[in-house]
Amino acid sequence: MAKYTVELSDAEVKAMGVIAYSVQDWIDNAVHNRARLAVDEVYNSEVERMNADPNIDSIPADKDAVVIAADIKSAKEITDEASAETKE
């Protein structure tokens, strides 16, 4: 599990207070919801790939297990590779 920290200026905190009862709860909900969408995207892509692969005869029932085992590139890896290609 990872932990991330966000720093907001006083003006940002005040402005967030206009739209959120709790800034921390709003941030937590926003990040967790986006992560849930990303998990769904990876899971659906992996299940589609596994269904198309005749060598795979079973798919794990646990969504997190499918996502963790997925052989996928992160956005950072994709960006770094693209940057390296443009420098060549």
N, C-alpha and C. Protein backbone atom coordinates (compact mmCIF):
# COMPACT_ATOMS: atom_id res chain seq x y z
N MET A 1 0.84 -1.17 0.00
CA MET A 1 0.00 0.00 0.00
C MET A 1 0.89 1.23 0.00
N ALA A 2 0.43 2.26 -0.69
CA ALA A 2 1.19 3.50 -0.78
C ALA A 2 0.42 4.64 -0.13
N LYS A 3 1.17 5.62 0.34
CA LYS A 3 0.55 6.80 0.93
C LYS A 3 1.08 8.02 0.19
N TYR A 4 0.19 8.94 -0.16
CA TYR A 4 0.57 10.16 -0.86
C TYR A 4 0.10 11.36 -0.05
N THR A 5 0.81 12.46 -0.18
CA THR A 5 0.49 13.68 0.54
C THR A 5 0.26 14.80 -0.46
N VAL A 6 -0.73 15.64 -0.18
CA VAL A 6 -1.03 16.78 -1.03
C VAL A 6 -0.92 18.04 -0.19
N GLU A 7 -0.23 19.05 -0.71
CA GLU A 7 -0.14 20.34 -0.02
C GLU A 7 -0.96 21.35 -0.80
N LEU A 8 -1.79 22.10 -0.07
CA LEU A 8 -2.59 23.15 -0.67
C LEU A 8 -2.21 24.48 -0.03
N SER A 9 -2.24 25.54 -0.83
CA SER A 9 -2.01 26.87 -0.28
C SER A 9 -3.23 27.27 0.56
N ASP A 10 -3.08 28.33 1.32
CA ASP A 10 -4.21 28.81 2.13
C ASP A 10 -5.40 29.18 1.24
N ALA A 11 -5.11 29.79 0.10
CA ALA A 11 -6.19 30.16 -0.83
C ALA A 11 -6.88 28.93 -1.39
N GLU A 12 -6.11 27.89 -1.70
CA GLU A 12 -6.69 26.65 -2.22
C GLU A 12 -7.57 25.97 -1.17
N VAL A 13 -7.10 25.97 0.08
CA VAL A 13 -7.90 25.38 1.17
C VAL A 13 -9.21 26.14 1.32
N LYS A 14 -9.13 27.47 1.32
CA LYS A 14 -10.34 28.27 1.47
C LYS A 14 -11.30 28.01 0.31
N ALA A 15 -10.79 27.98 -0.91
CA ALA A 15 -11.63 27.74 -2.08
C ALA A 15 -12.23 26.34 -2.05
N MET A 16 -11.46 25.35 -1.65
CA MET A 16 -11.99 23.98 -1.56
C MET A 16 -13.07 23.89 -0.50
N GLY A 17 -12.97 24.71 0.54
CA GLY A 17 -13.99 24.73 1.58
C GLY A 17 -15.35 25.17 1.07
N VAL A 18 -15.36 25.88 -0.05
CA VAL A 18 -16.63 26.31 -0.64
C VAL A 18 -17.34 25.14 -1.31
N ILE A 19 -16.58 24.18 -1.82
CA ILE A 19 -17.19 23.06 -2.55
C ILE A 19 -17.23 21.76 -1.77
N ALA A 20 -16.52 21.72 -0.64
CA ALA A 20 -16.42 20.46 0.09
C ALA A 20 -16.60 20.68 1.59
N TYR A 21 -17.41 19.85 2.20
CA TYR A 21 -17.58 19.89 3.66
C TYR A 21 -16.25 19.58 4.33
N SER A 22 -15.54 18.58 3.78
CA SER A 22 -14.22 18.20 4.28
C SER A 22 -13.29 18.08 3.08
N VAL A 23 -12.26 18.91 3.06
CA VAL A 23 -11.31 18.87 1.94
C VAL A 23 -10.63 17.51 1.89
N GLN A 24 -10.24 16.97 3.04
CA GLN A 24 -9.59 15.66 3.07
C GLN A 24 -10.50 14.58 2.51
N ASP A 25 -11.77 14.58 2.92
CA ASP A 25 -12.71 13.59 2.40
C ASP A 25 -12.89 13.74 0.90
N TRP A 26 -12.95 14.98 0.42
CA TRP A 26 -13.12 15.23 -1.01
C TRP A 26 -11.93 14.66 -1.77
N ILE A 27 -10.73 14.94 -1.29
CA ILE A 27 -9.51 14.43 -1.94
C ILE A 27 -9.50 12.91 -1.92
N ASP A 28 -9.79 12.32 -0.76
CA ASP A 28 -9.82 10.87 -0.65
C ASP A 28 -10.82 10.26 -1.63
N ASN A 29 -12.02 10.82 -1.67
CA ASN A 29 -13.06 10.29 -2.56
C ASN A 29 -12.67 10.44 -4.02
N ALA A 30 -12.09 11.58 -4.39
CA ALA A 30 -11.69 11.80 -5.79
C ALA A 30 -10.62 10.79 -6.23
N VAL A 31 -9.63 10.60 -5.39
CA VAL A 31 -8.53 9.69 -5.73
C VAL A 31 -9.02 8.24 -5.75
N HIS A 32 -9.78 7.85 -4.75
CA HIS A 32 -10.28 6.47 -4.71
C HIS A 32 -11.21 6.17 -5.89
N ASN A 33 -12.03 7.14 -6.26
CA ASN A 33 -12.92 6.91 -7.39
C ASN A 33 -12.13 6.79 -8.69
N ARG A 34 -11.10 7.64 -8.88
CA ARG A 34 -10.30 7.54 -10.10
C ARG A 34 -9.52 6.24 -10.13
N ALA A 35 -9.03 5.81 -8.98
CA ALA A 35 -8.33 4.52 -8.90
C ALA A 35 -9.28 3.38 -9.23
N ARG A 36 -10.52 3.45 -8.75
CA ARG A 36 -11.52 2.43 -9.04
C ARG A 36 -11.77 2.34 -10.55
N LEU A 37 -11.86 3.49 -11.20
CA LEU A 37 -12.05 3.49 -12.66
C LEU A 37 -10.85 2.88 -13.37
N ALA A 38 -9.64 3.20 -12.90
CA ALA A 38 -8.43 2.64 -13.51
C ALA A 38 -8.37 1.13 -13.30
N VAL A 39 -8.74 0.66 -12.11
CA VAL A 39 -8.78 -0.78 -11.85
C VAL A 39 -9.74 -1.45 -12.82
N ASP A 40 -10.91 -0.86 -13.00
CA ASP A 40 -11.89 -1.42 -13.93
C ASP A 40 -11.35 -1.47 -15.35
N GLU A 41 -10.67 -0.40 -15.78
CA GLU A 41 -10.09 -0.35 -17.13
C GLU A 41 -9.07 -1.46 -17.33
N VAL A 42 -8.14 -1.59 -16.37
CA VAL A 42 -7.10 -2.62 -16.48
C VAL A 42 -7.73 -4.01 -16.42
N TYR A 43 -8.65 -4.22 -15.49
CA TYR A 43 -9.30 -5.52 -15.35
C TYR A 43 -10.02 -5.91 -16.63
N ASN A 44 -10.83 -5.01 -17.17
CA ASN A 44 -11.58 -5.32 -18.39
C ASN A 44 -10.66 -5.62 -19.56
N SER A 45 -9.58 -4.86 -19.68
CA SER A 45 -8.61 -5.10 -20.75
C SER A 45 -7.93 -6.45 -20.58
N GLU A 46 -7.56 -6.79 -19.35
CA GLU A 46 -6.90 -8.07 -19.09
C GLU A 46 -7.84 -9.25 -19.30
N VAL A 47 -9.09 -9.14 -18.88
CA VAL A 47 -10.04 -10.22 -19.09
C VAL A 47 -10.28 -10.43 -20.58
N GLU A 48 -10.37 -9.33 -21.32
CA GLU A 48 -10.54 -9.44 -22.78
C GLU A 48 -9.32 -10.14 -23.40
N ARG A 49 -8.12 -9.74 -22.95
CA ARG A 49 -6.89 -10.37 -23.46
C ARG A 49 -6.85 -11.85 -23.11
N MET A 50 -7.20 -12.18 -21.87
CA MET A 50 -7.17 -13.59 -21.43
C MET A 50 -8.21 -14.43 -22.17
N ASN A 51 -9.37 -13.87 -22.40
CA ASN A 51 -10.41 -14.60 -23.15
C ASN A 51 -9.97 -14.89 -24.58
N ALA A 52 -9.16 -14.01 -25.14
CA ALA A 52 -8.70 -14.20 -26.51
C ALA A 52 -7.48 -15.12 -26.61
N ASP A 53 -6.86 -15.42 -25.48
CA ASP A 53 -5.65 -16.26 -25.47
C ASP A 53 -6.05 -17.72 -25.26
N PRO A 54 -5.85 -18.57 -26.28
CA PRO A 54 -6.24 -19.98 -26.15
C PRO A 54 -5.42 -20.75 -25.12
N ASN A 55 -4.29 -20.21 -24.69
CA ASN A 55 -3.46 -20.89 -23.71
C ASN A 55 -3.91 -20.64 -22.27
N ILE A 56 -4.83 -19.72 -22.08
CA ILE A 56 -5.34 -19.42 -20.74
C ILE A 56 -6.66 -20.13 -20.55
N ASP A 57 -6.73 -20.99 -19.53
CA ASP A 57 -7.94 -21.77 -19.31
C ASP A 57 -8.74 -21.33 -18.09
N SER A 58 -8.22 -20.35 -17.32
CA SER A 58 -8.98 -19.82 -16.20
C SER A 58 -8.54 -18.39 -15.92
N ILE A 59 -9.49 -17.63 -15.40
CA ILE A 59 -9.24 -16.23 -15.05
C ILE A 59 -9.49 -16.11 -13.55
N PRO A 60 -8.56 -15.49 -12.82
CA PRO A 60 -8.78 -15.34 -11.38
C PRO A 60 -10.09 -14.63 -11.08
N ALA A 61 -10.76 -15.04 -10.04
CA ALA A 61 -12.04 -14.44 -9.66
C ALA A 61 -11.83 -13.10 -8.96
N ASP A 62 -10.66 -12.86 -8.42
CA ASP A 62 -10.38 -11.63 -7.68
C ASP A 62 -9.89 -10.55 -8.64
N LYS A 63 -10.64 -9.45 -8.72
CA LYS A 63 -10.30 -8.35 -9.63
C LYS A 63 -8.92 -7.78 -9.32
N ASP A 64 -8.61 -7.58 -8.04
CA ASP A 64 -7.31 -7.03 -7.68
C ASP A 64 -6.17 -7.95 -8.11
N ALA A 65 -6.38 -9.26 -8.01
CA ALA A 65 -5.34 -10.21 -8.43
C ALA A 65 -5.07 -10.09 -9.92
N VAL A 66 -6.12 -9.92 -10.70
CA VAL A 66 -5.96 -9.75 -12.16
C VAL A 66 -5.17 -8.48 -12.44
N VAL A 67 -5.51 -7.40 -11.77
CA VAL A 67 -4.83 -6.11 -12.01
C VAL A 67 -3.37 -6.18 -11.59
N ILE A 68 -3.11 -6.75 -10.41
CA ILE A 68 -1.73 -6.84 -9.92
C ILE A 68 -0.87 -7.71 -10.83
N ALA A 69 -1.44 -8.77 -11.39
CA ALA A 69 -0.68 -9.67 -12.24
C ALA A 69 -0.55 -9.17 -13.68
N ALA A 70 -1.28 -8.13 -14.03
CA ALA A 70 -1.28 -7.64 -15.41
C ALA A 70 0.11 -7.14 -15.81
N ASP A 71 0.53 -7.56 -16.99
CA ASP A 71 1.82 -7.13 -17.54
C ASP A 71 1.55 -5.90 -18.40
N ILE A 72 1.47 -4.75 -17.73
CA ILE A 72 1.14 -3.50 -18.41
C ILE A 72 2.17 -2.44 -18.07
N LYS A 73 2.26 -1.45 -18.93
CA LYS A 73 3.18 -0.34 -18.69
C LYS A 73 2.43 0.78 -17.99
N SER A 74 3.15 1.45 -17.10
CA SER A 74 2.58 2.61 -16.42
C SER A 74 2.62 3.81 -17.36
N ALA A 75 1.87 4.84 -17.02
CA ALA A 75 1.88 6.07 -17.81
C ALA A 75 3.29 6.65 -17.84
N LYS A 76 4.03 6.53 -16.74
CA LYS A 76 5.40 7.03 -16.69
C LYS A 76 6.29 6.27 -17.67
N GLU A 77 6.16 4.95 -17.69
CA GLU A 77 6.97 4.15 -18.62
C GLU A 77 6.66 4.51 -20.07
N ILE A 78 5.40 4.66 -20.38
CA ILE A 78 4.99 5.01 -21.75
C ILE A 78 5.54 6.38 -22.13
N THR A 79 5.42 7.35 -21.22
CA THR A 79 5.91 8.70 -21.48
C THR A 79 7.42 8.73 -21.63
N ASP A 80 8.13 8.03 -20.74
CA ASP A 80 9.59 7.99 -20.81
C ASP A 80 10.07 7.34 -22.11
N GLU A 81 9.41 6.28 -22.54
CA GLU A 81 9.78 5.62 -23.80
C GLU A 81 9.54 6.56 -24.98
N ALA A 82 8.42 7.26 -24.97
CA ALA A 82 8.12 8.18 -26.06
C ALA A 82 9.14 9.33 -26.09
N SER A 83 9.52 9.83 -24.92
CA SER A 83 10.50 10.90 -24.84
C SER A 83 11.86 10.43 -25.35
N ALA A 84 12.23 9.20 -25.00
CA ALA A 84 13.51 8.65 -25.46
C ALA A 84 13.51 8.48 -26.96
N GLU A 85 12.37 8.07 -27.53
CA GLU A 85 12.30 7.89 -28.98
C GLU A 85 12.42 9.21 -29.72
N THR A 86 11.86 10.27 -29.17
CA THR A 86 11.93 11.57 -29.85
C THR A 86 13.32 12.18 -29.75
N LYS A 87 14.11 11.73 -28.76
CA LYS A 87 15.49 12.24 -28.63
C LYS A 87 16.45 11.51 -29.55
N GLU A 88 16.03 10.38 -30.09
CA GLU A 88 16.93 9.59 -30.96
C GLU A 88 17.03 10.17 -32.34
